[in-house]
């Protein structure tokens, strides 16, 4: 989807990933470079044995080694915590909530029998509110995993300073050079490519960057 290329084994990115994976007691993941100028990175894989880490050309050009280590440590924390599996479970939970709501409408809310008449307004309300509830649950789980990956990444790197500095740089640069990302995979990146404000922030899969930075400076406590 992102035209990523396998990183050269002797490259700076590959060396950093290898060093941090060994420190985290993780198998060496596959390493990719995404040919986009916007600074960002993500990890994927159903378990540590089938993981991959990808970083954009923009982030490699922008960050110092210490900052890049903070970013890669964050992504390896996602791998270690099996967050791809957790996000899949959250998506399944959200889909189940919506399916049950539809079933309740067709077999309950809109049903009429000899004793009672279904309430069509309640059925419509359920159809509207169930997807909202499902989205809120899924987003809340994703935000909690980002906080956990930040704390885990700081532990792998040995300090939070590199990640704190990297988050500030990426947040600022991504506003000027947005990532051409597919909305279906936007939640995987270390900084979400799309920003939401106001009530819509409740549905964001990433906490506000300043909250993440403050949590890191407070020792991982959100």
N, C-alpha and C. Protein backbone atom coordinates (compact mmCIF):
# COMPACT_ATOMS: atom_id res chain seq x y z
N UNK A 1 0.82 -1.21 0.00
CA UNK A 1 0.00 0.00 0.00
C UNK A 1 0.86 1.27 0.00
N UNK A 2 1.98 1.24 0.73
CA UNK A 2 2.83 2.43 0.84
C UNK A 2 4.12 2.32 0.03
N UNK A 3 4.21 1.33 -0.85
CA UNK A 3 5.37 1.16 -1.73
C UNK A 3 6.68 1.08 -0.95
N UNK A 4 6.62 0.47 0.23
CA UNK A 4 7.80 0.37 1.10
C UNK A 4 8.85 -0.55 0.49
N UNK A 5 10.10 -0.21 0.72
CA UNK A 5 11.22 -1.02 0.23
C UNK A 5 11.98 -1.60 1.43
N UNK A 6 12.50 -2.80 1.27
CA UNK A 6 13.27 -3.43 2.34
C UNK A 6 14.53 -2.60 2.61
N UNK A 7 14.78 -2.31 3.88
CA UNK A 7 15.95 -1.50 4.25
C UNK A 7 17.23 -2.29 4.08
N UNK A 8 18.26 -1.62 3.65
CA UNK A 8 19.59 -2.24 3.51
C UNK A 8 20.07 -2.68 4.89
N UNK A 9 20.56 -3.93 5.01
CA UNK A 9 21.05 -4.42 6.30
C UNK A 9 22.12 -3.55 6.94
N UNK A 10 22.84 -2.80 6.14
CA UNK A 10 23.87 -1.93 6.70
C UNK A 10 23.42 -0.51 6.94
N UNK A 11 22.15 -0.25 6.71
CA UNK A 11 21.64 1.12 6.84
C UNK A 11 21.49 1.52 8.30
N UNK A 12 21.43 2.82 8.50
CA UNK A 12 21.25 3.37 9.86
C UNK A 12 19.97 2.83 10.51
N UNK A 13 18.86 2.81 9.76
CA UNK A 13 17.60 2.32 10.31
C UNK A 13 17.71 0.86 10.73
N UNK A 14 18.28 0.04 9.88
CA UNK A 14 18.40 -1.39 10.17
C UNK A 14 19.25 -1.61 11.42
N UNK A 15 20.33 -0.88 11.55
CA UNK A 15 21.21 -1.03 12.72
C UNK A 15 20.49 -0.65 14.01
N UNK A 16 19.71 0.43 13.97
CA UNK A 16 18.99 0.86 15.17
C UNK A 16 17.93 -0.15 15.55
N UNK A 17 17.19 -0.64 14.57
CA UNK A 17 16.16 -1.65 14.85
C UNK A 17 16.79 -2.90 15.46
N UNK A 18 17.89 -3.35 14.88
CA UNK A 18 18.55 -4.57 15.37
C UNK A 18 19.02 -4.38 16.81
N UNK A 19 19.61 -3.24 17.10
CA UNK A 19 20.13 -2.98 18.45
C UNK A 19 19.00 -2.95 19.48
N UNK A 20 17.91 -2.26 19.15
CA UNK A 20 16.81 -2.13 20.10
C UNK A 20 16.00 -3.43 20.23
N UNK A 21 15.87 -4.18 19.14
CA UNK A 21 15.17 -5.46 19.22
C UNK A 21 15.91 -6.42 20.15
N UNK A 22 17.24 -6.41 20.05
CA UNK A 22 18.04 -7.26 20.95
C UNK A 22 17.87 -6.80 22.40
N UNK A 23 17.85 -5.50 22.62
CA UNK A 23 17.69 -4.97 23.97
C UNK A 23 16.31 -5.32 24.53
N UNK A 24 15.31 -5.38 23.67
CA UNK A 24 13.94 -5.69 24.11
C UNK A 24 13.65 -7.19 24.13
N UNK A 25 14.67 -8.01 23.81
CA UNK A 25 14.50 -9.47 23.76
C UNK A 25 13.41 -9.87 22.76
N UNK A 26 13.43 -9.22 21.59
CA UNK A 26 12.49 -9.52 20.52
C UNK A 26 13.22 -10.09 19.32
N UNK A 27 12.55 -10.96 18.54
CA UNK A 27 13.15 -11.39 17.28
C UNK A 27 13.34 -10.20 16.36
N UNK A 28 14.35 -10.26 15.50
CA UNK A 28 14.59 -9.15 14.57
C UNK A 28 13.43 -9.04 13.59
N UNK A 29 12.72 -7.91 13.59
CA UNK A 29 11.62 -7.75 12.63
C UNK A 29 12.15 -7.40 11.24
N UNK A 30 11.31 -7.50 10.25
CA UNK A 30 11.64 -6.99 8.93
C UNK A 30 11.62 -5.47 9.00
N UNK A 31 12.47 -4.84 8.21
CA UNK A 31 12.62 -3.39 8.27
C UNK A 31 12.38 -2.80 6.88
N UNK A 32 11.55 -1.77 6.81
CA UNK A 32 11.18 -1.17 5.53
C UNK A 32 11.31 0.35 5.59
N UNK A 33 11.54 0.93 4.42
CA UNK A 33 11.56 2.39 4.27
C UNK A 33 10.42 2.78 3.32
N UNK A 34 9.62 3.76 3.75
CA UNK A 34 8.49 4.24 2.95
C UNK A 34 8.93 5.50 2.21
N UNK A 35 8.82 5.53 0.89
CA UNK A 35 9.29 6.69 0.12
C UNK A 35 8.32 7.87 0.17
N UNK A 36 8.18 8.45 1.36
CA UNK A 36 7.34 9.64 1.53
C UNK A 36 8.09 10.67 2.37
N UNK A 37 7.96 11.94 2.05
CA UNK A 37 8.69 12.99 2.78
C UNK A 37 8.12 13.30 4.15
N UNK A 38 6.86 12.96 4.40
CA UNK A 38 6.26 13.24 5.70
C UNK A 38 6.88 12.32 6.76
N UNK A 39 7.27 12.86 7.92
CA UNK A 39 7.91 12.04 8.95
C UNK A 39 6.90 11.19 9.72
N UNK A 40 7.07 9.87 9.66
CA UNK A 40 6.18 8.98 10.40
C UNK A 40 6.77 7.58 10.40
N UNK A 41 6.17 6.68 11.19
CA UNK A 41 6.65 5.30 11.28
C UNK A 41 5.53 4.44 11.85
N UNK A 42 5.60 3.14 11.59
CA UNK A 42 4.64 2.22 12.19
C UNK A 42 5.24 0.82 12.28
N UNK A 43 4.58 -0.01 13.08
CA UNK A 43 4.94 -1.43 13.19
C UNK A 43 3.68 -2.25 12.93
N UNK A 44 3.87 -3.45 12.43
CA UNK A 44 2.75 -4.34 12.19
C UNK A 44 3.20 -5.78 12.36
N UNK A 45 2.26 -6.70 12.32
CA UNK A 45 2.57 -8.11 12.49
C UNK A 45 1.73 -8.73 13.59
N UNK A 46 1.25 -9.95 13.36
CA UNK A 46 0.33 -10.57 14.31
C UNK A 46 1.00 -11.00 15.61
N UNK A 47 2.32 -11.15 15.58
CA UNK A 47 3.08 -11.51 16.79
C UNK A 47 4.54 -11.11 16.57
N UNK A 48 5.37 -11.16 17.63
CA UNK A 48 6.77 -10.74 17.48
C UNK A 48 7.55 -11.53 16.43
N UNK A 49 7.14 -12.77 16.18
CA UNK A 49 7.86 -13.58 15.20
C UNK A 49 7.52 -13.20 13.77
N UNK A 50 6.46 -12.44 13.56
CA UNK A 50 6.06 -12.04 12.21
C UNK A 50 5.86 -10.52 12.15
N UNK A 51 6.78 -9.79 12.75
CA UNK A 51 6.64 -8.33 12.85
C UNK A 51 7.44 -7.62 11.77
N UNK A 52 7.04 -6.39 11.52
CA UNK A 52 7.75 -5.52 10.59
C UNK A 52 7.70 -4.10 11.12
N UNK A 53 8.76 -3.36 10.90
CA UNK A 53 8.85 -1.95 11.29
C UNK A 53 9.13 -1.15 10.02
N UNK A 54 8.40 -0.05 9.84
CA UNK A 54 8.58 0.79 8.66
C UNK A 54 8.72 2.25 9.07
N UNK A 55 9.59 2.96 8.41
CA UNK A 55 9.80 4.39 8.66
C UNK A 55 9.86 5.12 7.33
N UNK A 56 9.35 6.34 7.31
CA UNK A 56 9.39 7.12 6.07
C UNK A 56 10.77 7.73 5.85
N UNK A 57 11.05 8.07 4.61
CA UNK A 57 12.30 8.76 4.31
C UNK A 57 12.36 10.11 5.05
N UNK A 58 11.19 10.73 5.21
CA UNK A 58 11.14 12.02 5.89
C UNK A 58 11.59 11.94 7.33
N UNK A 59 11.19 10.89 8.04
CA UNK A 59 11.57 10.77 9.44
C UNK A 59 13.05 10.45 9.58
N UNK A 60 13.59 9.69 8.63
CA UNK A 60 15.02 9.35 8.66
C UNK A 60 15.88 10.59 8.43
N UNK A 61 15.40 11.50 7.61
CA UNK A 61 16.15 12.72 7.33
C UNK A 61 16.03 13.74 8.47
N UNK A 62 14.92 13.73 9.17
CA UNK A 62 14.64 14.76 10.17
C UNK A 62 15.25 14.46 11.54
N UNK A 63 15.21 13.20 11.98
CA UNK A 63 15.54 12.89 13.36
C UNK A 63 17.01 12.55 13.58
N UNK A 64 17.49 12.89 14.75
CA UNK A 64 18.83 12.46 15.17
C UNK A 64 18.76 10.98 15.54
N UNK A 65 19.90 10.36 15.76
CA UNK A 65 19.92 8.95 16.15
C UNK A 65 19.15 8.73 17.45
N UNK A 66 19.32 9.62 18.41
CA UNK A 66 18.64 9.48 19.70
C UNK A 66 17.13 9.56 19.52
N UNK A 67 16.67 10.48 18.68
CA UNK A 67 15.23 10.64 18.44
C UNK A 67 14.68 9.45 17.66
N UNK A 68 15.44 8.98 16.67
CA UNK A 68 14.99 7.84 15.89
C UNK A 68 14.93 6.58 16.76
N UNK A 69 15.86 6.44 17.68
CA UNK A 69 15.80 5.31 18.62
C UNK A 69 14.53 5.37 19.45
N UNK A 70 14.13 6.57 19.89
CA UNK A 70 12.89 6.70 20.65
C UNK A 70 11.69 6.25 19.86
N UNK A 71 11.63 6.63 18.57
CA UNK A 71 10.52 6.23 17.70
C UNK A 71 10.51 4.72 17.49
N UNK A 72 11.66 4.16 17.15
CA UNK A 72 11.73 2.72 16.89
C UNK A 72 11.43 1.92 18.16
N UNK A 73 11.89 2.40 19.32
CA UNK A 73 11.59 1.73 20.58
C UNK A 73 10.08 1.73 20.83
N UNK A 74 9.41 2.84 20.50
CA UNK A 74 7.94 2.91 20.62
C UNK A 74 7.29 1.84 19.74
N UNK A 75 7.75 1.72 18.50
CA UNK A 75 7.16 0.74 17.59
C UNK A 75 7.44 -0.70 18.06
N UNK A 76 8.63 -0.93 18.60
CA UNK A 76 8.94 -2.27 19.11
C UNK A 76 8.11 -2.59 20.36
N UNK A 77 7.76 -1.56 21.13
CA UNK A 77 6.87 -1.78 22.27
C UNK A 77 5.50 -2.23 21.80
N UNK A 78 5.01 -1.68 20.68
CA UNK A 78 3.76 -2.17 20.10
C UNK A 78 3.87 -3.65 19.77
N UNK A 79 5.00 -4.03 19.19
CA UNK A 79 5.21 -5.44 18.83
C UNK A 79 5.24 -6.30 20.09
N UNK A 80 5.98 -5.85 21.09
CA UNK A 80 6.12 -6.62 22.33
C UNK A 80 4.78 -6.77 23.05
N UNK A 81 3.95 -5.73 23.00
CA UNK A 81 2.64 -5.76 23.66
C UNK A 81 1.57 -6.43 22.82
N UNK A 82 1.92 -6.87 21.63
CA UNK A 82 0.98 -7.51 20.69
C UNK A 82 -0.23 -6.60 20.42
N UNK A 83 0.05 -5.33 20.16
CA UNK A 83 -1.01 -4.36 19.98
C UNK A 83 -1.78 -4.54 18.67
N UNK A 84 -1.16 -5.15 17.67
CA UNK A 84 -1.90 -5.42 16.43
C UNK A 84 -3.02 -6.40 16.72
N UNK A 85 -2.74 -7.41 17.54
CA UNK A 85 -3.77 -8.38 17.94
C UNK A 85 -4.85 -7.67 18.76
N UNK A 86 -4.44 -6.82 19.70
CA UNK A 86 -5.40 -6.12 20.54
C UNK A 86 -6.30 -5.22 19.70
N UNK A 87 -5.72 -4.51 18.72
CA UNK A 87 -6.53 -3.63 17.88
C UNK A 87 -7.50 -4.45 17.03
N UNK A 88 -7.09 -5.66 16.62
CA UNK A 88 -7.98 -6.53 15.86
C UNK A 88 -9.16 -6.97 16.72
N UNK A 89 -8.88 -7.28 17.99
CA UNK A 89 -9.95 -7.67 18.91
C UNK A 89 -10.90 -6.50 19.14
N UNK A 90 -10.34 -5.28 19.27
CA UNK A 90 -11.17 -4.09 19.46
C UNK A 90 -12.07 -3.86 18.24
N UNK A 91 -11.53 -4.07 17.05
CA UNK A 91 -12.32 -3.91 15.83
C UNK A 91 -13.44 -4.95 15.77
N UNK A 92 -13.12 -6.17 16.20
CA UNK A 92 -14.13 -7.23 16.23
C UNK A 92 -15.23 -6.89 17.23
N UNK A 93 -14.84 -6.37 18.40
CA UNK A 93 -15.81 -5.95 19.41
C UNK A 93 -16.73 -4.87 18.87
N UNK A 94 -16.15 -3.89 18.17
CA UNK A 94 -16.95 -2.81 17.60
C UNK A 94 -17.93 -3.35 16.55
N UNK A 95 -17.46 -4.27 15.72
CA UNK A 95 -18.34 -4.86 14.70
C UNK A 95 -19.46 -5.67 15.35
N UNK A 96 -19.16 -6.35 16.45
CA UNK A 96 -20.17 -7.14 17.15
C UNK A 96 -21.25 -6.25 17.73
N UNK A 97 -20.86 -5.12 18.33
CA UNK A 97 -21.83 -4.17 18.88
C UNK A 97 -22.79 -3.70 17.79
N UNK A 98 -22.26 -3.36 16.64
CA UNK A 98 -23.10 -2.89 15.55
C UNK A 98 -24.01 -3.99 15.02
N UNK A 99 -23.49 -5.22 14.95
CA UNK A 99 -24.30 -6.34 14.47
C UNK A 99 -25.45 -6.63 15.43
N UNK A 100 -25.17 -6.61 16.74
CA UNK A 100 -26.22 -6.85 17.74
C UNK A 100 -27.27 -5.76 17.67
N UNK A 101 -26.84 -4.52 17.44
CA UNK A 101 -27.80 -3.42 17.33
C UNK A 101 -28.73 -3.62 16.14
N UNK A 102 -28.18 -4.05 15.03
CA UNK A 102 -29.01 -4.30 13.84
C UNK A 102 -29.98 -5.44 14.08
N UNK A 103 -29.49 -6.50 14.74
CA UNK A 103 -30.36 -7.64 15.04
C UNK A 103 -31.48 -7.22 15.98
N UNK A 104 -31.15 -6.38 16.97
CA UNK A 104 -32.17 -5.92 17.91
C UNK A 104 -33.23 -5.10 17.20
N UNK A 105 -32.82 -4.33 16.18
CA UNK A 105 -33.80 -3.53 15.45
C UNK A 105 -34.75 -4.41 14.66
N UNK A 106 -34.18 -5.36 13.95
CA UNK A 106 -35.01 -6.17 13.06
C UNK A 106 -35.84 -7.21 13.81
N UNK A 107 -35.31 -7.69 14.93
CA UNK A 107 -36.02 -8.75 15.64
C UNK A 107 -36.63 -8.28 16.96
N UNK A 108 -36.42 -7.00 17.28
CA UNK A 108 -36.97 -6.50 18.54
C UNK A 108 -37.64 -5.16 18.38
N UNK A 109 -36.82 -4.13 18.11
CA UNK A 109 -37.33 -2.76 18.08
C UNK A 109 -38.39 -2.53 17.04
N UNK A 110 -38.27 -3.16 15.87
CA UNK A 110 -39.24 -2.94 14.82
C UNK A 110 -40.27 -4.04 14.75
N UNK A 111 -40.29 -4.94 15.76
CA UNK A 111 -41.17 -6.11 15.74
C UNK A 111 -42.52 -5.78 16.34
N UNK A 112 -43.54 -6.35 15.80
CA UNK A 112 -44.88 -6.17 16.33
C UNK A 112 -45.50 -7.53 16.50
N UNK A 113 -46.08 -7.80 17.70
CA UNK A 113 -46.78 -9.06 17.91
C UNK A 113 -48.13 -8.77 18.52
N UNK A 114 -48.79 -9.79 19.04
CA UNK A 114 -50.15 -9.65 19.53
C UNK A 114 -50.23 -8.78 20.79
N UNK A 115 -49.13 -8.72 21.57
CA UNK A 115 -49.17 -8.04 22.87
C UNK A 115 -48.59 -6.65 22.86
N UNK A 116 -47.66 -6.37 21.97
CA UNK A 116 -47.04 -5.06 22.01
C UNK A 116 -46.61 -4.62 20.61
N UNK A 117 -46.41 -3.33 20.48
CA UNK A 117 -45.93 -2.77 19.22
C UNK A 117 -44.54 -2.21 19.44
N UNK A 118 -43.63 -2.55 18.55
CA UNK A 118 -42.26 -2.06 18.69
C UNK A 118 -42.20 -0.54 18.54
N UNK A 119 -41.18 0.02 19.12
CA UNK A 119 -40.99 1.47 19.07
C UNK A 119 -39.99 1.78 17.96
N UNK A 120 -40.46 2.30 16.84
CA UNK A 120 -39.54 2.56 15.72
C UNK A 120 -38.53 3.65 16.04
N UNK A 121 -38.89 4.63 16.88
CA UNK A 121 -37.94 5.69 17.24
C UNK A 121 -36.78 5.11 18.04
N UNK A 122 -37.11 4.20 18.98
CA UNK A 122 -36.05 3.56 19.77
C UNK A 122 -35.15 2.72 18.88
N UNK A 123 -35.74 2.06 17.89
CA UNK A 123 -34.94 1.24 16.98
C UNK A 123 -33.99 2.09 16.16
N UNK A 124 -34.49 3.23 15.67
CA UNK A 124 -33.64 4.13 14.89
C UNK A 124 -32.52 4.70 15.76
N UNK A 125 -32.89 5.07 17.01
CA UNK A 125 -31.88 5.61 17.93
C UNK A 125 -30.79 4.59 18.19
N UNK A 126 -31.18 3.32 18.34
CA UNK A 126 -30.19 2.26 18.58
C UNK A 126 -29.27 2.12 17.37
N UNK A 127 -29.85 2.20 16.19
CA UNK A 127 -29.04 2.08 14.97
C UNK A 127 -28.03 3.22 14.86
N UNK A 128 -28.41 4.41 15.34
CA UNK A 128 -27.51 5.56 15.26
C UNK A 128 -26.46 5.56 16.37
N UNK A 129 -26.88 5.17 17.58
CA UNK A 129 -25.99 5.26 18.74
C UNK A 129 -25.01 4.10 18.83
N UNK A 130 -25.40 2.93 18.35
CA UNK A 130 -24.52 1.76 18.45
C UNK A 130 -23.19 1.97 17.72
N UNK A 131 -23.19 2.47 16.46
CA UNK A 131 -21.89 2.73 15.82
C UNK A 131 -21.06 3.78 16.55
N UNK A 132 -21.72 4.79 17.15
CA UNK A 132 -20.99 5.79 17.91
C UNK A 132 -20.31 5.15 19.13
N UNK A 133 -21.07 4.31 19.84
CA UNK A 133 -20.51 3.63 21.00
C UNK A 133 -19.35 2.73 20.60
N UNK A 134 -19.52 2.01 19.50
CA UNK A 134 -18.47 1.11 19.02
C UNK A 134 -17.22 1.89 18.66
N UNK A 135 -17.40 3.04 17.98
CA UNK A 135 -16.26 3.87 17.61
C UNK A 135 -15.54 4.43 18.82
N UNK A 136 -16.30 4.85 19.84
CA UNK A 136 -15.69 5.38 21.05
C UNK A 136 -14.87 4.33 21.77
N UNK A 137 -15.40 3.11 21.86
CA UNK A 137 -14.68 2.02 22.52
C UNK A 137 -13.38 1.70 21.79
N UNK A 138 -13.48 1.58 20.47
CA UNK A 138 -12.30 1.24 19.67
C UNK A 138 -11.24 2.32 19.78
N UNK A 139 -11.66 3.59 19.72
CA UNK A 139 -10.70 4.69 19.80
C UNK A 139 -10.06 4.76 21.19
N UNK A 140 -10.85 4.53 22.23
CA UNK A 140 -10.32 4.58 23.59
C UNK A 140 -9.26 3.50 23.81
N UNK A 141 -9.52 2.30 23.30
CA UNK A 141 -8.54 1.22 23.43
C UNK A 141 -7.26 1.58 22.69
N UNK A 142 -7.40 2.13 21.49
CA UNK A 142 -6.22 2.51 20.71
C UNK A 142 -5.41 3.58 21.41
N UNK A 143 -6.08 4.58 22.00
CA UNK A 143 -5.36 5.65 22.69
C UNK A 143 -4.59 5.10 23.90
N UNK A 144 -5.21 4.15 24.62
CA UNK A 144 -4.53 3.58 25.79
C UNK A 144 -3.30 2.79 25.37
N UNK A 145 -3.36 2.15 24.20
CA UNK A 145 -2.20 1.38 23.72
C UNK A 145 -1.08 2.33 23.29
N UNK A 146 -1.42 3.52 22.80
CA UNK A 146 -0.38 4.49 22.44
C UNK A 146 0.37 4.96 23.69
N UNK A 147 -0.36 5.25 24.75
CA UNK A 147 0.30 5.63 26.00
C UNK A 147 1.22 4.51 26.49
N UNK A 148 0.72 3.27 26.40
CA UNK A 148 1.51 2.12 26.86
C UNK A 148 2.75 1.93 26.00
N UNK A 149 2.62 2.14 24.68
CA UNK A 149 3.77 1.99 23.79
C UNK A 149 4.78 3.11 24.02
N UNK A 150 4.31 4.30 24.35
CA UNK A 150 5.24 5.39 24.68
C UNK A 150 6.06 5.02 25.91
N UNK A 151 5.39 4.55 26.96
CA UNK A 151 6.09 4.16 28.18
C UNK A 151 7.01 2.97 27.94
N UNK A 152 6.53 1.99 27.17
CA UNK A 152 7.36 0.83 26.85
C UNK A 152 8.55 1.19 26.00
N UNK A 153 8.34 2.12 25.07
CA UNK A 153 9.44 2.57 24.22
C UNK A 153 10.51 3.30 25.01
N UNK A 154 10.08 4.13 25.98
CA UNK A 154 11.05 4.83 26.83
C UNK A 154 11.87 3.83 27.63
N UNK A 155 11.22 2.74 28.08
CA UNK A 155 11.93 1.71 28.84
C UNK A 155 12.95 0.99 27.97
N UNK A 156 12.59 0.69 26.72
CA UNK A 156 13.51 0.00 25.82
C UNK A 156 14.69 0.90 25.47
N UNK A 157 14.40 2.17 25.19
CA UNK A 157 15.46 3.12 24.83
C UNK A 157 16.33 3.47 26.03
N UNK A 158 15.77 3.34 27.23
CA UNK A 158 16.52 3.67 28.44
C UNK A 158 16.19 5.04 29.00
N UNK A 159 15.45 5.85 28.25
CA UNK A 159 15.05 7.19 28.70
C UNK A 159 13.97 7.70 27.73
N UNK A 160 13.17 8.68 28.18
CA UNK A 160 12.10 9.20 27.31
C UNK A 160 12.52 10.37 26.43
N UNK A 161 13.73 10.89 26.61
CA UNK A 161 14.11 12.16 25.97
C UNK A 161 14.06 12.11 24.45
N UNK A 162 14.56 11.03 23.87
CA UNK A 162 14.56 10.93 22.41
C UNK A 162 13.16 10.90 21.84
N UNK A 163 12.26 10.14 22.47
CA UNK A 163 10.88 10.05 21.99
C UNK A 163 10.15 11.38 22.18
N UNK A 164 10.38 12.04 23.30
CA UNK A 164 9.75 13.34 23.54
C UNK A 164 10.14 14.34 22.45
N UNK A 165 11.42 14.43 22.16
CA UNK A 165 11.90 15.34 21.12
C UNK A 165 11.37 14.95 19.75
N UNK A 166 11.34 13.64 19.48
CA UNK A 166 10.84 13.16 18.18
C UNK A 166 9.37 13.48 18.00
N UNK A 167 8.56 13.27 19.03
CA UNK A 167 7.13 13.55 18.92
C UNK A 167 6.88 15.03 18.60
N UNK A 168 7.65 15.89 19.24
CA UNK A 168 7.50 17.33 18.97
C UNK A 168 7.84 17.66 17.53
N UNK A 169 8.94 17.10 17.05
CA UNK A 169 9.36 17.37 15.67
C UNK A 169 8.36 16.82 14.66
N UNK A 170 7.92 15.57 14.88
CA UNK A 170 7.01 14.93 13.93
C UNK A 170 5.67 15.65 13.89
N UNK A 171 5.18 16.03 15.07
CA UNK A 171 3.89 16.74 15.14
C UNK A 171 3.96 18.03 14.34
N UNK A 172 5.02 18.80 14.52
CA UNK A 172 5.13 20.07 13.81
C UNK A 172 5.30 19.89 12.32
N UNK A 173 6.16 18.95 11.92
CA UNK A 173 6.45 18.77 10.50
C UNK A 173 5.27 18.16 9.74
N UNK A 174 4.53 17.26 10.40
CA UNK A 174 3.43 16.58 9.71
C UNK A 174 2.30 17.53 9.36
N UNK A 175 2.22 18.66 10.06
CA UNK A 175 1.20 19.66 9.73
C UNK A 175 1.54 20.36 8.41
N UNK A 176 2.82 20.49 8.13
CA UNK A 176 3.26 21.16 6.90
C UNK A 176 3.46 20.18 5.74
N UNK A 177 3.84 18.95 6.09
CA UNK A 177 4.03 17.91 5.07
C UNK A 177 3.18 16.71 5.46
N UNK A 178 1.87 16.74 5.16
CA UNK A 178 0.98 15.66 5.59
C UNK A 178 1.30 14.34 4.89
N UNK A 179 1.05 13.25 5.60
CA UNK A 179 1.29 11.93 5.05
C UNK A 179 0.13 11.52 4.16
N UNK A 180 0.44 10.99 3.00
CA UNK A 180 -0.58 10.46 2.10
C UNK A 180 -0.93 9.06 2.59
N UNK A 181 -1.83 9.00 3.59
CA UNK A 181 -2.12 7.73 4.26
C UNK A 181 -3.53 7.26 3.96
N UNK A 182 -3.70 5.95 3.94
CA UNK A 182 -5.01 5.35 3.82
C UNK A 182 -5.70 5.43 5.18
N UNK A 183 -6.93 5.96 5.27
CA UNK A 183 -7.61 6.08 6.56
C UNK A 183 -7.71 4.75 7.32
N UNK A 184 -7.78 3.64 6.60
CA UNK A 184 -7.91 2.34 7.26
C UNK A 184 -6.67 1.95 8.05
N UNK A 185 -5.52 2.52 7.69
CA UNK A 185 -4.28 2.17 8.38
C UNK A 185 -3.67 3.35 9.13
N UNK A 186 -4.36 4.49 9.15
CA UNK A 186 -3.81 5.68 9.77
C UNK A 186 -3.54 5.49 11.26
N UNK A 187 -4.32 4.62 11.92
CA UNK A 187 -4.14 4.40 13.36
C UNK A 187 -2.82 3.74 13.70
N UNK A 188 -2.15 3.14 12.72
CA UNK A 188 -0.92 2.40 12.97
C UNK A 188 0.29 3.31 13.14
N UNK A 189 0.24 4.52 12.62
CA UNK A 189 1.40 5.40 12.63
C UNK A 189 1.64 6.01 14.01
N UNK A 190 2.88 6.41 14.28
CA UNK A 190 3.22 6.95 15.59
C UNK A 190 2.52 8.28 15.84
N UNK A 191 2.32 9.08 14.79
CA UNK A 191 1.50 10.29 14.85
C UNK A 191 0.41 10.13 13.81
N UNK A 192 -0.85 10.29 14.23
CA UNK A 192 -1.93 10.10 13.28
C UNK A 192 -1.89 11.17 12.19
N UNK A 193 -1.98 10.74 10.92
CA UNK A 193 -1.89 11.71 9.82
C UNK A 193 -3.03 12.71 9.78
N UNK A 194 -4.18 12.35 10.38
CA UNK A 194 -5.34 13.23 10.33
C UNK A 194 -5.63 13.75 11.73
N UNK A 195 -5.81 15.06 11.85
CA UNK A 195 -6.05 15.67 13.16
C UNK A 195 -7.53 15.95 13.35
N UNK A 196 -7.98 15.75 14.60
CA UNK A 196 -9.36 16.03 14.94
C UNK A 196 -9.40 16.96 16.15
N UNK A 197 -10.34 17.86 16.16
CA UNK A 197 -10.50 18.76 17.29
C UNK A 197 -11.91 18.67 17.84
N UNK A 198 -12.14 19.30 18.99
CA UNK A 198 -13.46 19.32 19.59
C UNK A 198 -13.95 17.92 19.93
N UNK A 199 -15.26 17.72 19.71
CA UNK A 199 -15.87 16.42 20.04
C UNK A 199 -15.30 15.29 19.21
N UNK A 200 -14.84 15.60 17.99
CA UNK A 200 -14.31 14.55 17.12
C UNK A 200 -13.04 13.93 17.69
N UNK A 201 -12.37 14.63 18.61
CA UNK A 201 -11.16 14.08 19.21
C UNK A 201 -11.47 12.83 20.03
N UNK A 202 -12.73 12.66 20.44
CA UNK A 202 -13.12 11.45 21.18
C UNK A 202 -12.97 10.22 20.32
N UNK A 203 -13.04 10.39 19.00
CA UNK A 203 -12.94 9.26 18.08
C UNK A 203 -11.52 9.09 17.54
N UNK A 204 -10.59 9.92 17.99
CA UNK A 204 -9.22 9.81 17.52
C UNK A 204 -8.55 8.58 18.11
N UNK A 205 -7.76 7.89 17.29
CA UNK A 205 -7.05 6.70 17.76
C UNK A 205 -5.76 7.05 18.47
N UNK A 206 -5.37 8.34 18.46
CA UNK A 206 -4.15 8.79 19.13
C UNK A 206 -4.49 9.87 20.14
N UNK A 207 -3.87 9.83 21.32
CA UNK A 207 -4.05 10.94 22.26
C UNK A 207 -3.37 12.19 21.71
N UNK A 208 -3.75 13.38 22.20
CA UNK A 208 -3.03 14.59 21.79
C UNK A 208 -1.54 14.45 22.10
N UNK A 209 -0.71 14.92 21.20
CA UNK A 209 0.74 14.75 21.36
C UNK A 209 1.25 15.36 22.66
N UNK A 210 0.73 16.50 23.05
CA UNK A 210 1.19 17.13 24.29
C UNK A 210 0.86 16.27 25.51
N UNK A 211 -0.28 15.57 25.48
CA UNK A 211 -0.61 14.65 26.58
C UNK A 211 0.38 13.49 26.63
N UNK A 212 0.76 13.00 25.46
CA UNK A 212 1.73 11.90 25.40
C UNK A 212 3.09 12.36 25.95
N UNK A 213 3.49 13.57 25.57
CA UNK A 213 4.77 14.09 26.04
C UNK A 213 4.75 14.28 27.56
N UNK A 214 3.64 14.82 28.07
CA UNK A 214 3.54 15.04 29.51
C UNK A 214 3.57 13.72 30.27
N UNK A 215 2.91 12.70 29.71
CA UNK A 215 2.92 11.39 30.35
C UNK A 215 4.34 10.82 30.39
N UNK A 216 5.08 10.99 29.30
CA UNK A 216 6.47 10.52 29.27
C UNK A 216 7.33 11.24 30.30
N UNK A 217 7.12 12.54 30.42
CA UNK A 217 7.90 13.32 31.39
C UNK A 217 7.49 13.01 32.82
N UNK A 218 6.26 12.47 32.98
CA UNK A 218 5.78 12.08 34.32
C UNK A 218 6.09 10.61 34.62
N UNK A 219 6.94 10.01 33.82
CA UNK A 219 7.30 8.62 34.07
C UNK A 219 6.33 7.61 33.51
N UNK A 220 5.57 8.01 32.46
CA UNK A 220 4.65 7.08 31.81
C UNK A 220 3.24 7.13 32.34
N UNK A 221 2.94 8.04 33.29
CA UNK A 221 1.59 8.13 33.85
C UNK A 221 0.79 9.17 33.08
N UNK A 222 -0.27 8.70 32.41
CA UNK A 222 -1.12 9.60 31.60
C UNK A 222 -1.93 10.55 32.49
